[in-house]
Amino acid sequence: MNKVNKVKPGATWKELPIGGTLPAASALDYKTGAWRSFVPKFDPNQCTHCMICVHYCPVMAIPTEINENGVKGWKDKIYKGVVRLETNLDYCTGCGVCAEECPTEAIKMERETWEVK
């Protein structure tokens, strides 16, 4: 029988059990952004708010909101309704799926740089 491990909410990837299983739709319960090598750079002026990146993101790191006032995007068009926001880097793993799927190249992957403390 496959048991689901109990992990405290907000645990980091370092606290996850080796070889364990997690409940479905739990990506936002665990901050995994601390180990990525690449980071997505989002250019809102190139975005059509098609939501392809949102749907393909395996860790649900691209938040959305309903904006009836509208936001400026591709070719200065105003997009109203559901729009994407900046990627939440606490959860982004840097996999690059969003950039690969973006039809307008509004997302570019760049090498992550970390501050040494």
PDB file of N, CA and C in Angstrom:
ATOM      1  N   MET A   1       0.826  -1.173   0.000  1.00  0.00           N
ATOM      2  CA  MET A   1       0.000   0.000   0.000  1.00  0.00           C
ATOM      3  C   MET A   1       0.879   1.249   0.000  1.00  0.00           C
ATOM      4  N   ASN A   2       0.564   2.216  -0.851  1.00  0.00           N
ATOM      5  CA  ASN A   2       1.333   3.439  -0.976  1.00  0.00           C
ATOM      6  C   ASN A   2       0.824   4.479   0.006  1.00  0.00           C
ATOM      7  N   LYS A   3       1.650   4.846   0.971  1.00  0.00           N
ATOM      8  CA  LYS A   3       1.245   5.840   1.961  1.00  0.00           C
ATOM      9  C   LYS A   3       1.737   7.216   1.540  1.00  0.00           C
ATOM     10  N   VAL A   4       0.924   8.225   1.792  1.00  0.00           N
ATOM     11  CA  VAL A   4       1.318   9.599   1.528  1.00  0.00           C
ATOM     12  C   VAL A   4       1.977  10.125   2.793  1.00  0.00           C
ATOM     13  N   ASN A   5       3.200  10.658   2.661  1.00  0.00           N
ATOM     14  CA  ASN A   5       3.918  11.188   3.809  1.00  0.00           C
ATOM     15  C   ASN A   5       3.304  12.492   4.286  1.00  0.00           C
ATOM     16  N   LYS A   6       3.277  12.660   5.568  1.00  0.00           N
ATOM     17  CA  LYS A   6       2.803  13.913   6.157  1.00  0.00           C
ATOM     18  C   LYS A   6       4.000  14.859   6.261  1.00  0.00           C
ATOM     19  N   VAL A   7       3.911  15.992   5.588  1.00  0.00           N
ATOM     20  CA  VAL A   7       4.962  16.999   5.635  1.00  0.00           C
ATOM     21  C   VAL A   7       4.307  18.296   6.046  1.00  0.00           C
ATOM     22  N   LYS A   8       4.952  19.021   6.959  1.00  0.00           N
ATOM     23  CA  LYS A   8       4.338  20.251   7.452  1.00  0.00           C
ATOM     24  C   LYS A   8       4.187  21.280   6.326  1.00  0.00           C
ATOM     25  N   PRO A   9       3.096  22.047   6.327  1.00  0.00           N
ATOM     26  CA  PRO A   9       2.899  23.092   5.304  1.00  0.00           C
ATOM     27  C   PRO A   9       4.044  24.104   5.336  1.00  0.00           C
ATOM     28  N   GLY A  10       4.484  24.517   4.161  1.00  0.00           N
ATOM     29  CA  GLY A  10       5.559  25.503   4.053  1.00  0.00           C
ATOM     30  C   GLY A  10       6.945  24.906   4.157  1.00  0.00           C
ATOM     31  N   ALA A  11       7.046  23.579   4.197  1.00  0.00           N
ATOM     32  CA  ALA A  11       8.352  22.932   4.275  1.00  0.00           C
ATOM     33  C   ALA A  11       9.143  23.217   3.004  1.00  0.00           C
ATOM     34  N   THR A  12      10.446  23.272   3.128  1.00  0.00           N
ATOM     35  CA  THR A  12      11.293  23.454   1.952  1.00  0.00           C
ATOM     36  C   THR A  12      11.594  22.090   1.347  1.00  0.00           C
ATOM     37  N   TRP A  13      12.186  22.075   0.171  1.00  0.00           N
ATOM     38  CA  TRP A  13      12.499  20.812  -0.496  1.00  0.00           C
ATOM     39  C   TRP A  13      13.464  19.972   0.329  1.00  0.00           C
ATOM     40  N   LYS A  14      14.281  20.619   1.160  1.00  0.00           N
ATOM     41  CA  LYS A  14      15.250  19.886   1.974  1.00  0.00           C
ATOM     42  C   LYS A  14      14.564  19.051   3.060  1.00  0.00           C
ATOM     43  N   GLU A  15      13.345  19.411   3.398  1.00  0.00           N
ATOM     44  CA  GLU A  15      12.614  18.708   4.449  1.00  0.00           C
ATOM     45  C   GLU A  15      11.723  17.586   3.919  1.00  0.00           C
ATOM     46  N   LEU A  16      11.670  17.415   2.599  1.00  0.00           N
ATOM     47  CA  LEU A  16      10.834  16.376   2.026  1.00  0.00           C
ATOM     48  C   LEU A  16      11.502  15.013   2.197  1.00  0.00           C
ATOM     49  N   PRO A  17      10.733  13.964   2.447  1.00  0.00           N
ATOM     50  CA  PRO A  17      11.323  12.630   2.629  1.00  0.00           C
ATOM     51  C   PRO A  17      11.876  12.073   1.319  1.00  0.00           C
ATOM     52  N   ILE A  18      12.984  11.379   1.400  1.00  0.00           N
ATOM     53  CA  ILE A  18      13.585  10.767   0.222  1.00  0.00           C
ATOM     54  C   ILE A  18      12.694   9.618  -0.232  1.00  0.00           C
ATOM     55  N   GLY A  19      12.331   9.617  -1.505  1.00  0.00           N
ATOM     56  CA  GLY A  19      11.532   8.541  -2.058  1.00  0.00           C
ATOM     57  C   GLY A  19      10.085   8.540  -1.608  1.00  0.00           C
ATOM     58  N   GLY A  20       9.653   9.578  -0.945  1.00  0.00           N
ATOM     59  CA  GLY A  20       8.281   9.638  -0.465  1.00  0.00           C
ATOM     60  C   GLY A  20       7.328  10.121  -1.543  1.00  0.00           C
ATOM     61  N   THR A  21       6.070  10.040  -1.280  1.00  0.00           N
ATOM     62  CA  THR A  21       5.052  10.551  -2.192  1.00  0.00           C
ATOM     63  C   THR A  21       4.323  11.689  -1.517  1.00  0.00           C
ATOM     64  N   LEU A  22       3.842  12.595  -2.311  1.00  0.00           N
ATOM     65  CA  LEU A  22       3.122  13.756  -1.806  1.00  0.00           C
ATOM     66  C   LEU A  22       1.712  13.748  -2.369  1.00  0.00           C
ATOM     67  N   PRO A  23       0.792  14.364  -1.670  1.00  0.00           N
ATOM     68  CA  PRO A  23      -0.572  14.418  -2.193  1.00  0.00           C
ATOM     69  C   PRO A  23      -0.636  15.250  -3.471  1.00  0.00           C
ATOM     70  N   ALA A  24      -1.602  14.945  -4.330  1.00  0.00           N
ATOM     71  CA  ALA A  24      -1.779  15.693  -5.573  1.00  0.00           C
ATOM     72  C   ALA A  24      -2.072  17.154  -5.263  1.00  0.00           C
ATOM     73  N   ALA A  25      -1.692  18.045  -6.192  1.00  0.00           N
ATOM     74  CA  ALA A  25      -1.933  19.492  -6.082  1.00  0.00           C
ATOM     75  C   ALA A  25      -1.287  20.080  -4.839  1.00  0.00           C
ATOM     76  N   SER A  26      -0.108  19.590  -4.496  1.00  0.00           N
ATOM     77  CA  SER A  26       0.568  20.099  -3.301  1.00  0.00           C
ATOM     78  C   SER A  26       1.748  21.004  -3.627  1.00  0.00           C
ATOM     79  N   ALA A  27       1.946  21.363  -4.888  1.00  0.00           N
ATOM     80  CA  ALA A  27       3.121  22.125  -5.296  1.00  0.00           C
ATOM     81  C   ALA A  27       3.268  23.436  -4.531  1.00  0.00           C
ATOM     82  N   LEU A  28       2.164  24.108  -4.247  1.00  0.00           N
ATOM     83  CA  LEU A  28       2.261  25.391  -3.556  1.00  0.00           C
ATOM     84  C   LEU A  28       2.425  25.251  -2.048  1.00  0.00           C
ATOM     85  N   ASP A  29       2.470  24.022  -1.566  1.00  0.00           N
ATOM     86  CA  ASP A  29       2.730  23.806  -0.142  1.00  0.00           C
ATOM     87  C   ASP A  29       4.221  23.775   0.160  1.00  0.00           C
ATOM     88  N   TYR A  30       5.074  23.671  -0.877  1.00  0.00           N
ATOM     89  CA  TYR A  30       6.504  23.499  -0.676  1.00  0.00           C
ATOM     90  C   TYR A  30       7.280  24.476  -1.541  1.00  0.00           C
ATOM     91  N   LYS A  31       8.067  25.315  -0.916  1.00  0.00           N
ATOM     92  CA  LYS A  31       8.875  26.282  -1.656  1.00  0.00           C
ATOM     93  C   LYS A  31      10.091  25.570  -2.238  1.00  0.00           C
ATOM     94  N   THR A  32      10.106  25.443  -3.562  1.00  0.00           N
ATOM     95  CA  THR A  32      11.170  24.696  -4.238  1.00  0.00           C
ATOM     96  C   THR A  32      12.087  25.593  -5.064  1.00  0.00           C
ATOM     97  N   GLY A  33      11.887  26.900  -5.026  1.00  0.00           N
ATOM     98  CA  GLY A  33      12.641  27.801  -5.886  1.00  0.00           C
ATOM     99  C   GLY A  33      14.091  27.986  -5.517  1.00  0.00           C
ATOM    100  N   ALA A  34      14.516  27.515  -4.360  1.00  0.00           N
ATOM    101  CA  ALA A  34      15.880  27.768  -3.898  1.00  0.00           C
ATOM    102  C   ALA A  34      16.939  26.929  -4.610  1.00  0.00           C
ATOM    103  N   TRP A  35      16.559  25.977  -5.440  1.00  0.00           N
ATOM    104  CA  TRP A  35      17.572  25.121  -6.066  1.00  0.00           C
ATOM    105  C   TRP A  35      17.638  25.239  -7.578  1.00  0.00           C
ATOM    106  N   ARG A  36      16.962  26.219  -8.158  1.00  0.00           N
ATOM    107  CA  ARG A  36      16.972  26.321  -9.626  1.00  0.00           C
ATOM    108  C   ARG A  36      18.295  26.900 -10.139  1.00  0.00           C
ATOM    109  N   SER A  37      18.606  26.599 -11.401  1.00  0.00           N
ATOM    110  CA  SER A  37      19.798  27.129 -12.066  1.00  0.00           C
ATOM    111  C   SER A  37      19.447  28.237 -13.053  1.00  0.00           C
ATOM    112  N   PHE A  38      18.196  28.244 -13.513  1.00  0.00           N
ATOM    113  CA  PHE A  38      17.733  29.262 -14.452  1.00  0.00           C
ATOM    114  C   PHE A  38      16.486  29.934 -13.878  1.00  0.00           C
ATOM    115  N   VAL A  39      16.278  31.168 -14.275  1.00  0.00           N
ATOM    116  CA  VAL A  39      15.128  31.932 -13.784  1.00  0.00           C
ATOM    117  C   VAL A  39      14.408  32.547 -14.988  1.00  0.00           C
ATOM    118  N   PRO A  40      13.062  32.512 -14.989  1.00  0.00           N
ATOM    119  CA  PRO A  40      12.331  33.113 -16.099  1.00  0.00           C
ATOM    120  C   PRO A  40      12.280  34.634 -15.969  1.00  0.00           C
ATOM    121  N   LYS A  41      12.561  35.317 -17.044  1.00  0.00           N
ATOM    122  CA  LYS A  41      12.419  36.774 -17.100  1.00  0.00           C
ATOM    123  C   LYS A  41      11.213  37.071 -17.973  1.00  0.00           C
ATOM    124  N   PHE A  42      10.205  37.674 -17.368  1.00  0.00           N
ATOM    125  CA  PHE A  42       8.925  37.925 -18.027  1.00  0.00           C
ATOM    126  C   PHE A  42       8.874  39.354 -18.540  1.00  0.00           C
ATOM    127  N   ASP A  43       8.543  39.522 -19.824  1.00  0.00           N
ATOM    128  CA  ASP A  43       8.369  40.842 -20.431  1.00  0.00           C
ATOM    129  C   ASP A  43       6.878  41.053 -20.676  1.00  0.00           C
ATOM    130  N   PRO A  44       6.204  41.806 -19.807  1.00  0.00           N
ATOM    131  CA  PRO A  44       4.760  41.992 -19.948  1.00  0.00           C
ATOM    132  C   PRO A  44       4.355  42.667 -21.255  1.00  0.00           C
ATOM    133  N   ASN A  45       5.262  43.411 -21.866  1.00  0.00           N
ATOM    134  CA  ASN A  45       4.945  44.077 -23.136  1.00  0.00           C
ATOM    135  C   ASN A  45       4.883  43.107 -24.311  1.00  0.00           C
ATOM    136  N   GLN A  46       5.365  41.894 -24.140  1.00  0.00           N
ATOM    137  CA  GLN A  46       5.319  40.869 -25.184  1.00  0.00           C
ATOM    138  C   GLN A  46       4.172  39.881 -24.963  1.00  0.00           C
ATOM    139  N   CYS A  47       3.505  39.967 -23.818  1.00  0.00           N
ATOM    140  CA  CYS A  47       2.535  38.956 -23.392  1.00  0.00           C
ATOM    141  C   CYS A  47       1.136  39.203 -23.958  1.00  0.00           C
ATOM    142  N   THR A  48       0.484  38.126 -24.409  1.00  0.00           N
ATOM    143  CA  THR A  48      -0.904  38.208 -24.876  1.00  0.00           C
ATOM    144  C   THR A  48      -1.879  37.649 -23.840  1.00  0.00           C
ATOM    145  N   HIS A  49      -1.367  37.235 -22.708  1.00  0.00           N
ATOM    146  CA  HIS A  49      -2.186  36.672 -21.619  1.00  0.00           C
ATOM    147  C   HIS A  49      -3.014  35.487 -22.105  1.00  0.00           C
ATOM    148  N   CYS A  50      -2.384  34.663 -22.926  1.00  0.00           N
ATOM    149  CA  CYS A  50      -3.052  33.473 -23.473  1.00  0.00           C
ATOM    150  C   CYS A  50      -3.159  32.362 -22.435  1.00  0.00           C
ATOM    151  N   MET A  51      -2.384  32.444 -21.383  1.00  0.00           N
ATOM    152  CA  MET A  51      -2.381  31.495 -20.259  1.00  0.00           C
ATOM    153  C   MET A  51      -1.737  30.146 -20.575  1.00  0.00           C
ATOM    154  N   ILE A  52      -1.069  30.039 -21.715  1.00  0.00           N
ATOM    155  CA  ILE A  52      -0.390  28.782 -22.029  1.00  0.00           C
ATOM    156  C   ILE A  52       0.681  28.496 -20.981  1.00  0.00           C
ATOM    157  N   CYS A  53       1.449  29.505 -20.597  1.00  0.00           N
ATOM    158  CA  CYS A  53       2.497  29.302 -19.588  1.00  0.00           C
ATOM    159  C   CYS A  53       1.894  28.863 -18.259  1.00  0.00           C
ATOM    160  N   VAL A  54       0.768  29.451 -17.898  1.00  0.00           N
ATOM    161  CA  VAL A  54       0.098  29.116 -16.635  1.00  0.00           C
ATOM    162  C   VAL A  54      -0.323  27.653 -16.633  1.00  0.00           C
ATOM    163  N   HIS A  55      -0.899  27.198 -17.718  1.00  0.00           N
ATOM    164  CA  HIS A  55      -1.373  25.820 -17.793  1.00  0.00           C
ATOM    165  C   HIS A  55      -0.244  24.798 -17.844  1.00  0.00           C
ATOM    166  N   TYR A  56       0.892  25.162 -18.441  1.00  0.00           N
ATOM    167  CA  TYR A  56       2.002  24.215 -18.560  1.00  0.00           C
ATOM    168  C   TYR A  56       2.938  24.210 -17.358  1.00  0.00           C
ATOM    169  N   CYS A  57       2.909  25.224 -16.532  1.00  0.00           N
ATOM    170  CA  CYS A  57       3.819  25.285 -15.381  1.00  0.00           C
ATOM    171  C   CYS A  57       3.560  24.099 -14.449  1.00  0.00           C
ATOM    172  N   PRO A  58       4.560  23.224 -14.265  1.00  0.00           N
ATOM    173  CA  PRO A  58       4.328  22.026 -13.457  1.00  0.00           C
ATOM    174  C   PRO A  58       4.202  22.282 -11.957  1.00  0.00           C
ATOM    175  N   VAL A  59       4.600  23.464 -11.496  1.00  0.00           N
ATOM    176  CA  VAL A  59       4.522  23.760 -10.066  1.00  0.00           C
ATOM    177  C   VAL A  59       3.585  24.921  -9.746  1.00  0.00           C
ATOM    178  N   MET A  60       2.785  25.316 -10.697  1.00  0.00           N
ATOM    179  CA  MET A  60       1.796  26.392 -10.501  1.00  0.00           C
ATOM    180  C   MET A  60       2.431  27.683  -9.963  1.00  0.00           C
ATOM    181  N   ALA A  61       3.597  28.037 -10.508  1.00  0.00           N
ATOM    182  CA  ALA A  61       4.334  29.200 -10.017  1.00  0.00           C
ATOM    183  C   ALA A  61       3.962  30.504 -10.716  1.00  0.00           C
ATOM    184  N   ILE A  62       3.023  30.452 -11.662  1.00  0.00           N
ATOM    185  CA  ILE A  62       2.627  31.669 -12.380  1.00  0.00           C
ATOM    186  C   ILE A  62       1.216  32.046 -11.936  1.00  0.00           C
ATOM    187  N   PRO A  63       1.112  33.045 -11.068  1.00  0.00           N
ATOM    188  CA  PRO A  63      -0.213  33.444 -10.573  1.00  0.00           C
ATOM    189  C   PRO A  63      -0.984  34.258 -11.610  1.00  0.00           C
ATOM    190  N   THR A  64      -2.287  34.288 -11.435  1.00  0.00           N
ATOM    191  CA  THR A  64      -3.165  35.078 -12.300  1.00  0.00           C
ATOM    192  C   THR A  64      -4.102  35.904 -11.426  1.00  0.00           C
ATOM    193  N   GLU A  65      -4.733  36.876 -12.042  1.00  0.00           N
ATOM    194  CA  GLU A  65      -5.763  37.640 -11.354  1.00  0.00           C
ATOM    195  C   GLU A  65      -6.764  38.136 -12.388  1.00  0.00           C
ATOM    196  N   ILE A  66      -7.932  38.491 -11.914  1.00  0.00           N
ATOM    197  CA  ILE A  66      -8.926  39.109 -12.787  1.00  0.00           C
ATOM    198  C   ILE A  66      -8.705  40.612 -12.713  1.00  0.00           C
ATOM    199  N   ASN A  67      -8.471  41.228 -13.868  1.00  0.00           N
ATOM    200  CA  ASN A  67      -8.207  42.662 -13.926  1.00  0.00           C
ATOM    201  C   ASN A  67      -9.154  43.280 -14.950  1.00  0.00           C
ATOM    202  N   GLU A  68     -10.201  43.909 -14.471  1.00  0.00           N
ATOM    203  CA  GLU A  68     -11.186  44.526 -15.371  1.00  0.00           C
ATOM    204  C   GLU A  68     -10.720  45.879 -15.905  1.00  0.00           C
ATOM    205  N   ASN A  69      -9.718  46.485 -15.282  1.00  0.00           N
ATOM    206  CA  ASN A  69      -9.166  47.748 -15.776  1.00  0.00           C
ATOM    207  C   ASN A  69      -8.264  47.514 -16.980  1.00  0.00           C
ATOM    208  N   GLY A  70      -7.672  46.328 -17.031  1.00  0.00           N
ATOM    209  CA  GLY A  70      -6.814  45.966 -18.150  1.00  0.00           C
ATOM    210  C   GLY A  70      -5.346  46.228 -17.887  1.00  0.00           C
ATOM    211  N   VAL A  71      -4.505  45.456 -18.554  1.00  0.00           N
ATOM    212  CA  VAL A  71      -3.053  45.632 -18.512  1.00  0.00           C
ATOM    213  C   VAL A  71      -2.533  45.693 -19.936  1.00  0.00           C
ATOM    214  N   LYS A  72      -1.487  46.481 -20.123  1.00  0.00           N
ATOM    215  CA  LYS A  72      -0.908  46.612 -21.459  1.00  0.00           C
ATOM    216  C   LYS A  72      -0.023  45.412 -21.753  1.00  0.00           C
ATOM    217  N   GLY A  73      -0.126  44.885 -22.967  1.00  0.00           N
ATOM    218  CA  GLY A  73       0.676  43.736 -23.367  1.00  0.00           C
ATOM    219  C   GLY A  73       1.140  43.857 -24.799  1.00  0.00           C
ATOM    220  N   TRP A  74       1.104  42.738 -25.514  1.00  0.00           N
ATOM    221  CA  TRP A  74       1.586  42.614 -26.888  1.00  0.00           C
ATOM    222  C   TRP A  74       1.081  43.744 -27.774  1.00  0.00           C
ATOM    223  N   LYS A  75       2.003  44.433 -28.436  1.00  0.00           N
ATOM    224  CA  LYS A  75       1.706  45.527 -29.369  1.00  0.00           C
ATOM    225  C   LYS A  75       0.798  46.591 -28.751  1.00  0.00           C
ATOM    226  N   ASP A  76       1.028  46.867 -27.462  1.00  0.00           N
ATOM    227  CA  ASP A  76       0.309  47.904 -26.702  1.00  0.00           C
ATOM    228  C   ASP A  76      -1.185  47.653 -26.554  1.00  0.00           C
ATOM    229  N   LYS A  77      -1.631  46.441 -26.838  1.00  0.00           N
ATOM    230  CA  LYS A  77      -3.040  46.102 -26.654  1.00  0.00           C
ATOM    231  C   LYS A  77      -3.353  46.024 -25.159  1.00  0.00           C
ATOM    232  N   ILE A  78      -4.566  46.410 -24.779  1.00  0.00           N
ATOM    233  CA  ILE A  78      -5.010  46.314 -23.389  1.00  0.00           C
ATOM    234  C   ILE A  78      -5.769  44.992 -23.214  1.00  0.00           C
ATOM    235  N   TYR A  79      -5.326  44.192 -22.277  1.00  0.00           N
ATOM    236  CA  TYR A  79      -5.939  42.889 -22.004  1.00  0.00           C
ATOM    237  C   TYR A  79      -6.724  42.978 -20.701  1.00  0.00           C
ATOM    238  N   LYS A  80      -8.012  42.621 -20.749  1.00  0.00           N
ATOM    239  CA  LYS A  80      -8.879  42.638 -19.577  1.00  0.00           C
ATOM    240  C   LYS A  80      -9.290  41.215 -19.225  1.00  0.00           C
ATOM    241  N   GLY A  81      -9.740  41.033 -18.003  1.00  0.00           N
ATOM    242  CA  GLY A  81     -10.156  39.709 -17.549  1.00  0.00           C
ATOM    243  C   GLY A  81      -9.012  39.026 -16.827  1.00  0.00           C
ATOM    244  N   VAL A  82      -8.839  37.740 -17.060  1.00  0.00           N
ATOM    245  CA  VAL A  82      -7.771  36.983 -16.393  1.00  0.00           C
ATOM    246  C   VAL A  82      -6.437  37.317 -17.058  1.00  0.00           C
ATOM    247  N   VAL A  83      -5.496  37.790 -16.251  1.00  0.00           N
ATOM    248  CA  VAL A  83      -4.157  38.133 -16.736  1.00  0.00           C
ATOM    249  C   VAL A  83      -3.122  37.432 -15.862  1.00  0.00           C
ATOM    250  N   ARG A  84      -1.998  37.137 -16.451  1.00  0.00           N
ATOM    251  CA  ARG A  84      -0.922  36.519 -15.665  1.00  0.00           C
ATOM    252  C   ARG A  84      -0.118  37.593 -14.954  1.00  0.00           C
ATOM    253  N   LEU A  85       0.491  37.217 -13.856  1.00  0.00           N
ATOM    254  CA  LEU A  85       1.336  38.114 -13.076  1.00  0.00           C
ATOM    255  C   LEU A  85       2.779  37.633 -13.153  1.00  0.00           C
ATOM    256  N   GLU A  86       3.669  38.301 -12.441  1.00  0.00           N
ATOM    257  CA  GLU A  86       5.069  37.874 -12.394  1.00  0.00           C
ATOM    258  C   GLU A  86       5.158  36.473 -11.790  1.00  0.00           C
ATOM    259  N   THR A  87       6.104  35.698 -12.259  1.00  0.00           N
ATOM    260  CA  THR A  87       6.328  34.351 -11.738  1.00  0.00           C
ATOM    261  C   THR A  87       6.724  34.423 -10.270  1.00  0.00           C
ATOM    262  N   ASN A  88       6.141  33.550  -9.459  1.00  0.00           N
ATOM    263  CA  ASN A  88       6.478  33.484  -8.042  1.00  0.00           C
ATOM    264  C   ASN A  88       7.751  32.654  -7.900  1.00  0.00           C
ATOM    265  N   LEU A  89       8.872  33.321  -7.641  1.00  0.00           N
ATOM    266  CA  LEU A  89      10.172  32.662  -7.617  1.00  0.00           C
ATOM    267  C   LEU A  89      10.388  31.793  -6.384  1.00  0.00           C
ATOM    268  N   ASP A  90       9.502  31.882  -5.387  1.00  0.00           N
ATOM    269  CA  ASP A  90       9.584  30.966  -4.250  1.00  0.00           C
ATOM    270  C   ASP A  90       9.278  29.537  -4.688  1.00  0.00           C
ATOM    271  N   TYR A  91       8.502  29.390  -5.765  1.00  0.00           N
ATOM    272  CA  TYR A  91       8.063  28.073  -6.213  1.00  0.00           C
ATOM    273  C   TYR A  91       8.645  27.660  -7.562  1.00  0.00           C
ATOM    274  N   CYS A  92       9.092  28.609  -8.358  1.00  0.00           N
ATOM    275  CA  CYS A  92       9.622  28.309  -9.688  1.00  0.00           C
ATOM    276  C   CYS A  92      10.883  27.459  -9.582  1.00  0.00           C
ATOM    277  N   THR A  93      10.915  26.356 -10.324  1.00  0.00           N
ATOM    278  CA  THR A  93      12.086  25.474 -10.322  1.00  0.00           C
ATOM    279  C   THR A  93      13.058  25.783 -11.453  1.00  0.00           C
ATOM    280  N   GLY A  94      12.703  26.730 -12.329  1.00  0.00           N
ATOM    281  CA  GLY A  94      13.588  27.099 -13.425  1.00  0.00           C
ATOM    282  C   GLY A  94      13.634  26.082 -14.547  1.00  0.00           C
ATOM    283  N   CYS A  95      12.592  25.283 -14.689  1.00  0.00           N
ATOM    284  CA  CYS A  95      12.600  24.207 -15.693  1.00  0.00           C
ATOM    285  C   CYS A  95      12.534  24.733 -17.127  1.00  0.00           C
ATOM    286  N   GLY A  96      11.957  25.924 -17.326  1.00  0.00           N
ATOM    287  CA  GLY A  96      11.912  26.525 -18.655  1.00  0.00           C
ATOM    288  C   GLY A  96      10.729  26.133 -19.514  1.00  0.00           C
ATOM    289  N   VAL A  97       9.809  25.348 -18.990  1.00  0.00           N
ATOM    290  CA  VAL A  97       8.637  24.946 -19.765  1.00  0.00           C
ATOM    291  C   VAL A  97       7.845  26.178 -20.197  1.00  0.00           C
ATOM    292  N   CYS A  98       7.680  27.143 -19.318  1.00  0.00           N
ATOM    293  CA  CYS A  98       6.921  28.356 -19.648  1.00  0.00           C
ATOM    294  C   CYS A  98       7.527  29.080 -20.845  1.00  0.00           C
ATOM    295  N   ALA A  99       8.837  29.237 -20.838  1.00  0.00           N
ATOM    296  CA  ALA A  99       9.522  29.929 -21.934  1.00  0.00           C
ATOM    297  C   ALA A  99       9.418  29.147 -23.235  1.00  0.00           C
ATOM    298  N   GLU A 100       9.522  27.835 -23.146  1.00  0.00           N
ATOM    299  CA  GLU A 100       9.439  26.983 -24.332  1.00  0.00           C
ATOM    300  C   GLU A 100       8.055  27.050 -24.970  1.00  0.00           C
ATOM    301  N   GLU A 101       7.015  27.139 -24.161  1.00  0.00           N
ATOM    302  CA  GLU A 101       5.646  27.122 -24.665  1.00  0.00           C
ATOM    303  C   GLU A 101       5.111  28.499 -25.061  1.00  0.00           C
ATOM    304  N   CYS A 102       5.721  29.579 -24.602  1.00  0.00           N
ATOM    305  CA  CYS A 102       5.218  30.932 -24.863  1.00  0.00           C
ATOM    306  C   CYS A 102       5.277  31.269 -26.353  1.00  0.00           C
ATOM    307  N   PRO A 103       4.120  31.528 -26.986  1.00  0.00           N
ATOM    308  CA  PRO A 103       4.104  31.781 -28.429  1.00  0.00           C
ATOM    309  C   PRO A 103       4.668  33.144 -28.833  1.00  0.00           C
ATOM    310  N   THR A 104       4.785  34.082 -27.890  1.00  0.00           N
ATOM    311  CA  THR A 104       5.294  35.415 -28.239  1.00  0.00           C
ATOM    312  C   THR A 104       6.683  35.689 -27.662  1.00  0.00           C
ATOM    313  N   GLU A 105       7.299  34.666 -27.065  1.00  0.00           N
ATOM    314  CA  GLU A 105       8.622  34.799 -26.457  1.00  0.00           C
ATOM    315  C   GLU A 105       8.659  35.885 -25.392  1.00  0.00           C
ATOM    316  N   ALA A 106       7.583  35.982 -24.622  1.00  0.00           N
ATOM    317  CA  ALA A 106       7.508  36.954 -23.525  1.00  0.00           C
ATOM    318  C   ALA A 106       8.293  36.475 -22.303  1.00  0.00           C
ATOM    319  N   ILE A 107       8.730  35.230 -22.329  1.00  0.00           N
ATOM    320  CA  ILE A 107       9.496  34.667 -21.213  1.00  0.00           C
ATOM    321  C   ILE A 107      10.819  34.153 -21.759  1.00  0.00           C
ATOM    322  N   LYS A 108      11.902  34.611 -21.149  1.00  0.00           N
ATOM    323  CA  LYS A 108      13.252  34.164 -21.520  1.00  0.00           C
ATOM    324  C   LYS A 108      13.907  33.591 -20.270  1.00  0.00           C
ATOM    325  N   MET A 109      14.606  32.488 -20.430  1.00  0.00           N
ATOM    326  CA  MET A 109      15.309  31.895 -19.300  1.00  0.00           C
ATOM    327  C   MET A 109      16.725  32.457 -19.237  1.00  0.00           C
ATOM    328  N   GLU A 110      17.109  32.876 -18.037  1.00  0.00           N
ATOM    329  CA  GLU A 110      18.458  33.389 -17.807  1.00  0.00           C
ATOM    330  C   GLU A 110      19.090  32.625 -16.661  1.00  0.00           C
ATOM    331  N   ARG A 111      20.407  32.548 -16.681  1.00  0.00           N
ATOM    332  CA  ARG A 111      21.147  31.868 -15.611  1.00  0.00           C
ATOM    333  C   ARG A 111      20.851  32.567 -14.289  1.00  0.00           C
ATOM    334  N   GLU A 112      20.524  31.790 -13.271  1.00  0.00           N
ATOM    335  CA  GLU A 112      20.234  32.336 -11.949  1.00  0.00           C
ATOM    336  C   GLU A 112      21.521  32.839 -11.313  1.00  0.00           C
ATOM    337  N   THR A 113      21.455  33.954 -10.659  1.00  0.00           N
ATOM    338  CA  THR A 113      22.597  34.466  -9.897  1.00  0.00           C
ATOM    339  C   THR A 113      22.138  34.572  -8.450  1.00  0.00           C
ATOM    340  N   TRP A 114      22.979  34.119  -7.566  1.00  0.00           N
ATOM    341  CA  TRP A 114      22.641  34.120  -6.140  1.00  0.00           C
ATOM    342  C   TRP A 114      23.594  35.043  -5.402  1.00  0.00           C
ATOM    343  N   GLU A 115      23.048  35.744  -4.418  1.00  0.00           N
ATOM    344  CA  GLU A 115      23.888  36.558  -3.548  1.00  0.00           C
ATOM    345  C   GLU A 115      24.492  35.664  -2.486  1.00  0.00           C
ATOM    346  N   VAL A 116      25.783  35.813  -2.246  1.00  0.00           N
ATOM    347  CA  VAL A 116      26.440  35.056  -1.194  1.00  0.00           C
ATOM    348  C   VAL A 116      26.319  35.888   0.077  1.00  0.00           C
ATOM    349  N   LYS A 117      25.759  35.249   1.100  1.00  0.00           N
ATOM    350  CA  LYS A 117      25.559  35.971   2.378  1.00  0.00           C
ATOM    351  C   LYS A 117      26.622  35.611   3.363  1.00  0.00           C
TER     352      LYS A 117
END
